[in-house]
C-alpha atoms as a PDB file:
ATOM      1  CA  MET A   1     -13.194 -34.446  80.594  1.00  0.00           C
ATOM      2  CA  ALA A   2     -16.243 -33.653  78.410  1.00  0.00           C
ATOM      3  CA  ALA A   3     -18.177 -36.425  76.725  1.00  0.00           C
ATOM      4  CA  LYS A   4     -17.403 -36.864  73.027  1.00  0.00           C
ATOM      5  CA  LYS A   5     -19.957 -35.090  70.828  1.00  0.00           C
ATOM      6  CA  GLU A   6     -22.030 -37.443  68.717  1.00  0.00           C
ATOM      7  CA  HIS A   7     -21.775 -36.857  64.934  1.00  0.00           C
ATOM      8  CA  TYR A   8     -24.944 -35.797  63.074  1.00  0.00           C
ATOM      9  CA  VAL A   9     -25.098 -39.154  61.287  1.00  0.00           C
ATOM     10  CA  ASN A  10     -24.124 -42.292  63.179  1.00  0.00           C
ATOM     11  CA  ASN A  11     -22.152 -44.312  60.665  1.00  0.00           C
ATOM     12  CA  LYS A  12     -22.759 -47.672  62.420  1.00  0.00           C
ATOM     13  CA  GLU A  13     -26.497 -47.196  62.455  1.00  0.00           C
ATOM     14  CA  PHE A  14     -26.439 -45.948  58.901  1.00  0.00           C
ATOM     15  CA  LEU A  15     -24.420 -48.960  57.792  1.00  0.00           C
ATOM     16  CA  ALA A  16     -26.872 -51.308  59.546  1.00  0.00           C
ATOM     17  CA  ALA A  17     -29.856 -49.544  57.887  1.00  0.00           C
ATOM     18  CA  MET A  18     -28.207 -49.772  54.445  1.00  0.00           C
ATOM     19  CA  THR A  19     -27.354 -53.426  54.904  1.00  0.00           C
ATOM     20  CA  GLU A  20     -30.965 -54.156  55.900  1.00  0.00           C
ATOM     21  CA  TYR A  21     -32.313 -52.163  52.952  1.00  0.00           C
ATOM     22  CA  ARG A  22     -30.005 -53.930  50.518  1.00  0.00           C
ATOM     23  CA  ASN A  23     -31.081 -57.331  51.811  1.00  0.00           C
ATOM     24  CA  SER A  24     -34.745 -56.357  51.435  1.00  0.00           C
ATOM     25  CA  VAL A  25     -34.040 -55.207  47.852  1.00  0.00           C
ATOM     26  CA  LEU A  26     -32.323 -58.520  47.003  1.00  0.00           C
ATOM     27  CA  GLU A  27     -35.176 -60.442  48.474  1.00  0.00           C
ATOM     28  CA  ALA A  28     -37.726 -58.475  46.551  1.00  0.00           C
ATOM     29  CA  LYS A  29     -35.752 -59.112  43.326  1.00  0.00           C
ATOM     30  CA  LYS A  30     -35.761 -62.858  44.062  1.00  0.00           C
ATOM     31  CA  ALA A  31     -39.437 -62.845  44.587  1.00  0.00           C
ATOM     32  CA  GLY A  32     -40.078 -60.797  41.464  1.00  0.00           C
ATOM     33  CA  LYS A  33     -41.561 -57.869  43.471  1.00  0.00           C
ATOM     34  CA  ASP A  34     -41.058 -54.119  43.187  1.00  0.00           C
ATOM     35  CA  LYS A  35     -38.172 -52.560  45.036  1.00  0.00           C
ATOM     36  CA  PRO A  36     -39.173 -51.550  48.574  1.00  0.00           C
ATOM     37  CA  PRO A  37     -39.320 -47.852  49.444  1.00  0.00           C
ATOM     38  CA  VAL A  38     -36.303 -46.254  51.141  1.00  0.00           C
ATOM     39  CA  THR A  39     -36.714 -46.103  54.900  1.00  0.00           C
ATOM     40  CA  ASP A  40     -37.288 -42.785  56.669  1.00  0.00           C
ATOM     41  CA  TYR A  41     -33.977 -43.159  58.549  1.00  0.00           C
ATOM     42  CA  ILE A  42     -31.952 -43.502  55.283  1.00  0.00           C
ATOM     43  CA  GLY A  43     -33.757 -40.501  53.790  1.00  0.00           C
ATOM     44  CA  GLU A  44     -33.163 -38.547  56.941  1.00  0.00           C
ATOM     45  CA  CYS A  45     -29.413 -39.317  56.754  1.00  0.00           C
ATOM     46  CA  PHE A  46     -29.213 -38.176  53.134  1.00  0.00           C
ATOM     47  CA  LEU A  47     -30.946 -34.923  54.065  1.00  0.00           C
ATOM     48  CA  LYS A  48     -28.586 -34.347  57.053  1.00  0.00           C
ATOM     49  CA  ILE A  49     -25.501 -35.043  54.999  1.00  0.00           C
ATOM     50  CA  ALA A  50     -26.647 -32.730  52.189  1.00  0.00           C
ATOM     51  CA  ASN A  51     -27.603 -29.939  54.564  1.00  0.00           C
ATOM     52  CA  HIS A  52     -24.371 -30.058  56.471  1.00  0.00           C
ATOM     53  CA  LEU A  53     -22.283 -30.243  53.362  1.00  0.00           C
ATOM     54  CA  SER A  54     -24.035 -27.215  51.949  1.00  0.00           C
ATOM     55  CA  TYR A  55     -22.693 -25.157  54.920  1.00  0.00           C
ATOM     56  CA  ARG A  56     -19.095 -25.762  53.896  1.00  0.00           C
ATOM     57  CA  PRO A  57     -17.361 -22.542  52.910  1.00  0.00           C
ATOM     58  CA  ASN A  58     -17.165 -23.539  49.274  1.00  0.00           C
ATOM     59  CA  PHE A  59     -20.927 -24.021  49.004  1.00  0.00           C
ATOM     60  CA  ILE A  60     -22.498 -21.592  51.539  1.00  0.00           C
ATOM     61  CA  ASN A  61     -22.874 -18.408  49.448  1.00  0.00           C
ATOM     62  CA  TYR A  62     -24.728 -19.799  46.491  1.00  0.00           C
ATOM     63  CA  THR A  63     -28.365 -18.557  46.072  1.00  0.00           C
ATOM     64  CA  PHE A  64     -29.325 -21.939  44.599  1.00  0.00           C
ATOM     65  CA  ARG A  65     -28.308 -23.996  47.666  1.00  0.00           C
ATOM     66  CA  ASP A  66     -31.729 -25.602  47.921  1.00  0.00           C
ATOM     67  CA  ASP A  67     -31.375 -26.884  44.301  1.00  0.00           C
ATOM     68  CA  MET A  68     -27.910 -28.231  45.188  1.00  0.00           C
ATOM     69  CA  ILE A  69     -29.411 -30.107  48.185  1.00  0.00           C
ATOM     70  CA  SER A  70     -32.238 -31.452  46.113  1.00  0.00           C
ATOM     71  CA  ASP A  71     -29.820 -32.665  43.417  1.00  0.00           C
ATOM     72  CA  GLY A  72     -27.628 -34.334  46.068  1.00  0.00           C
ATOM     73  CA  ILE A  73     -30.510 -36.186  47.584  1.00  0.00           C
ATOM     74  CA  GLU A  74     -31.819 -37.224  44.171  1.00  0.00           C
ATOM     75  CA  ASN A  75     -28.381 -38.622  43.160  1.00  0.00           C
ATOM     76  CA  CYS A  76     -28.199 -40.530  46.524  1.00  0.00           C
ATOM     77  CA  LEU A  77     -31.597 -42.149  45.715  1.00  0.00           C
ATOM     78  CA  GLN A  78     -30.423 -42.878  42.145  1.00  0.00           C
ATOM     79  CA  TYR A  79     -27.210 -44.583  43.282  1.00  0.00           C
ATOM     80  CA  LEU A  80     -28.518 -46.148  46.444  1.00  0.00           C
ATOM     81  CA  ASP A  81     -28.347 -49.678  45.035  1.00  0.00           C
ATOM     82  CA  ASN A  82     -24.695 -49.302  44.088  1.00  0.00           C
ATOM     83  CA  PHE A  83     -23.619 -49.166  47.723  1.00  0.00           C
ATOM     84  CA  ASN A  84     -22.277 -52.555  48.735  1.00  0.00           C
ATOM     85  CA  PRO A  85     -21.803 -53.158  52.499  1.00  0.00           C
ATOM     86  CA  GLU A  86     -19.520 -56.076  51.681  1.00  0.00           C
ATOM     87  CA  THR A  87     -16.965 -53.839  50.054  1.00  0.00           C
ATOM     88  CA  SER A  88     -17.262 -50.765  52.119  1.00  0.00           C
ATOM     89  CA  ASN A  89     -18.340 -50.167  55.709  1.00  0.00           C
ATOM     90  CA  ASN A  90     -18.568 -46.335  55.397  1.00  0.00           C
ATOM     91  CA  PRO A  91     -21.890 -45.313  53.765  1.00  0.00           C
ATOM     92  CA  PHE A  92     -21.442 -41.801  55.145  1.00  0.00           C
ATOM     93  CA  ALA A  93     -18.314 -41.209  52.989  1.00  0.00           C
ATOM     94  CA  TYR A  94     -19.879 -42.876  49.981  1.00  0.00           C
ATOM     95  CA  PHE A  95     -22.999 -40.664  49.946  1.00  0.00           C
ATOM     96  CA  THR A  96     -21.065 -37.562  50.936  1.00  0.00           C
ATOM     97  CA  GLN A  97     -19.000 -37.977  47.737  1.00  0.00           C
ATOM     98  CA  ILE A  98     -22.120 -38.424  45.684  1.00  0.00           C
ATOM     99  CA  ILE A  99     -23.649 -35.256  47.184  1.00  0.00           C
ATOM    100  CA  TYR A 100     -20.406 -33.337  46.812  1.00  0.00           C
ATOM    101  CA  TYR A 101     -20.242 -34.010  43.030  1.00  0.00           C
ATOM    102  CA  ALA A 102     -23.969 -33.275  42.607  1.00  0.00           C
ATOM    103  CA  PHE A 103     -23.296 -29.853  44.188  1.00  0.00           C
ATOM    104  CA  VAL A 104     -20.348 -29.268  41.791  1.00  0.00           C
ATOM    105  CA  ARG A 105     -22.504 -30.233  38.770  1.00  0.00           C
ATOM    106  CA  ARG A 106     -25.264 -27.882  39.914  1.00  0.00           C
ATOM    107  CA  ILE A 107     -22.804 -25.012  40.298  1.00  0.00           C
ATOM    108  CA  GLN A 108     -21.487 -25.628  36.749  1.00  0.00           C
ATOM    109  CA  LYS A 109     -25.031 -25.639  35.317  1.00  0.00           C
ATOM    110  CA  GLU A 110     -25.956 -22.424  37.042  1.00  0.00           C
ATOM    111  CA  LYS A 111     -22.752 -20.684  35.995  1.00  0.00           C
ATOM    112  CA  LYS A 112     -23.512 -21.626  32.350  1.00  0.00           C
ATOM    113  CA  GLN A 113     -27.017 -20.113  32.777  1.00  0.00           C
ATOM    114  CA  ILE A 114     -25.623 -16.897  34.308  1.00  0.00           C
ATOM    115  CA  THR A 115     -23.164 -16.618  31.425  1.00  0.00           C
ATOM    116  CA  ILE A 116     -25.972 -17.011  28.856  1.00  0.00           C
ATOM    117  CA  LYS A 117     -28.114 -14.349  30.604  1.00  0.00           C
ATOM    118  CA  GLN A 118     -25.198 -11.913  30.809  1.00  0.00           C
ATOM    119  CA  ARG A 119     -24.379 -12.416  27.173  1.00  0.00           C
ATOM    120  CA  MET A 120     -28.025 -11.830  26.212  1.00  0.00           C
ATOM    121  CA  ILE A 121     -28.047  -8.568  28.178  1.00  0.00           C
ATOM    122  CA  GLN A 122     -24.733  -7.486  26.645  1.00  0.00           C
ATOM    123  CA  GLU A 123     -25.824  -8.164  23.085  1.00  0.00           C
ATOM    124  CA  ALA A 124     -29.418  -7.040  23.413  1.00  0.00           C
ATOM    125  CA  ASN A 125     -30.686  -4.431  20.986  1.00  0.00           C
ATOM    126  CA  TYR A 126     -31.855  -1.737  23.387  1.00  0.00           C
ATOM    127  CA  ASP A 127     -33.399   0.337  20.583  1.00  0.00           C
ATOM    128  CA  ASP A 128     -36.280  -2.143  20.528  1.00  0.00           C
ATOM    129  CA  MET A 129     -37.048  -1.490  24.203  1.00  0.00           C
ATOM    130  CA  ALA A 130     -40.330   0.257  24.784  1.00  0.00           C
ATOM    131  CA  LEU A 131     -40.156   3.369  26.866  1.00  0.00           C
ATOM    132  CA  GLN A 132     -42.527   3.631  29.826  1.00  0.00           C
ATOM    133  CA  PRO A 133     -44.611   6.759  30.392  1.00  0.00           C
ATOM    134  CA  GLY A 134     -42.348   9.395  31.872  1.00  0.00           C
ATOM    135  CA  GLU A 135     -39.143   7.983  30.496  1.00  0.00           C
ATOM    136  CA  ASP A 136     -37.104   9.582  27.773  1.00  0.00           C
ATOM    137  CA  ARG A 137     -34.249   8.631  25.491  1.00  0.00           C
ATOM    138  CA  ASP A 138     -31.636   9.827  28.111  1.00  0.00           C
ATOM    139  CA  PHE A 139     -32.982   7.201  30.661  1.00  0.00           C
ATOM    140  CA  LYS A 140     -32.789   4.494  28.059  1.00  0.00           C
ATOM    141  CA  ASN A 141     -29.191   5.357  27.237  1.00  0.00           C
ATOM    142  CA  GLN A 142     -28.262   5.490  30.972  1.00  0.00           C
ATOM    143  CA  PHE A 143     -29.841   2.115  31.509  1.00  0.00           C
ATOM    144  CA  THR A 144     -27.985   0.644  28.552  1.00  0.00           C
ATOM    145  CA  GLU A 145     -24.728   1.981  29.670  1.00  0.00           C
ATOM    146  CA  PHE A 146     -25.297   0.749  33.235  1.00  0.00           C
ATOM    147  CA  LEU A 147     -26.038  -2.793  32.074  1.00  0.00           C
ATOM    148  CA  GLN A 148     -23.102  -2.994  29.767  1.00  0.00           C
ATOM    149  CA  ARG A 149     -20.717  -1.513  32.321  1.00  0.00           C
ATOM    150  CA  ASN A 150     -21.817  -3.744  35.289  1.00  0.00           C
ATOM    151  CA  THR A 151     -22.259  -7.111  33.688  1.00  0.00           C
ATOM    152  CA  VAL A 152     -19.093  -9.259  33.914  1.00  0.00           C
ATOM    153  CA  VAL A 153     -19.179 -11.999  31.381  1.00  0.00           C
ATOM    154  CA  GLU A 154     -17.180 -15.023  32.500  1.00  0.00           C
ATOM    155  CA  GLU A 155     -16.491 -17.430  29.719  1.00  0.00           C
ATOM    156  CA  PRO A 156     -16.902 -20.996  30.937  1.00  0.00           C
ATOM    157  CA  THR A 157     -13.546 -22.851  31.019  1.00  0.00           C
ATOM    158  CA  LYS A 158     -13.443 -25.652  28.519  1.00  0.00           C
ATOM    159  CA  LYS A 159     -11.499 -28.819  29.171  1.00  0.00           C
ATOM    160  CA  LYS A 160      -8.840 -29.747  26.691  1.00  0.00           C
ATOM    161  CA  LYS A 161      -9.157 -33.255  25.381  1.00  0.00           C
ATOM    162  CA  LYS A 162      -6.071 -35.369  25.674  1.00  0.00           C
ATOM    163  CA  GLY A 163      -5.162 -37.174  22.599  1.00  0.00           C
END
C-alpha cells in the first residue's frame, strides 16, 4: 500500500502558526506596540493556497490570474486578525474561502472593464480615425465593420433588490 500523499498545506502546522501569530498580536496590543509582521510560513501558506486554487477549472483560463492571486493574498492579510483558533481549527478552509471570493470579485471587475472597452469600440466614431500612409477609405471601412462584427457586448447582470 502506497504512503498517503501529504497535502500542499499542512493544516495542523498552519493552525499552530496562526495560533502563535494571534498570541503575539494580542501581546503586542497589550504592550501598546505595533502589530508584528506575518511570518514567512503563514505568507507561504497563503501563496500556496492561492496558487492551487487558481488552477481549478473555473479560474484557470483567465488572463488576469496573477491579479486574482494578488487580490487573494491581499485579502488574507487584511482579514488575518479575524481568524480565531478558539472557534475554528481549520485555517486552510477559512483562508481558501477568502481567496475564492477575492477571485470572484476580481473576475467581476475585469468583466465590467471588458464590457466598457467593447462598448467604447462599438460606439466609437471611426470617421475621426486618422489614416496611416498607404491606407485608404476602404481599409478604414473594413476595419470598422470587422470591429463591430466581432465584438460581443455582454451586459453585466444586475441583481434585483428584494423589497
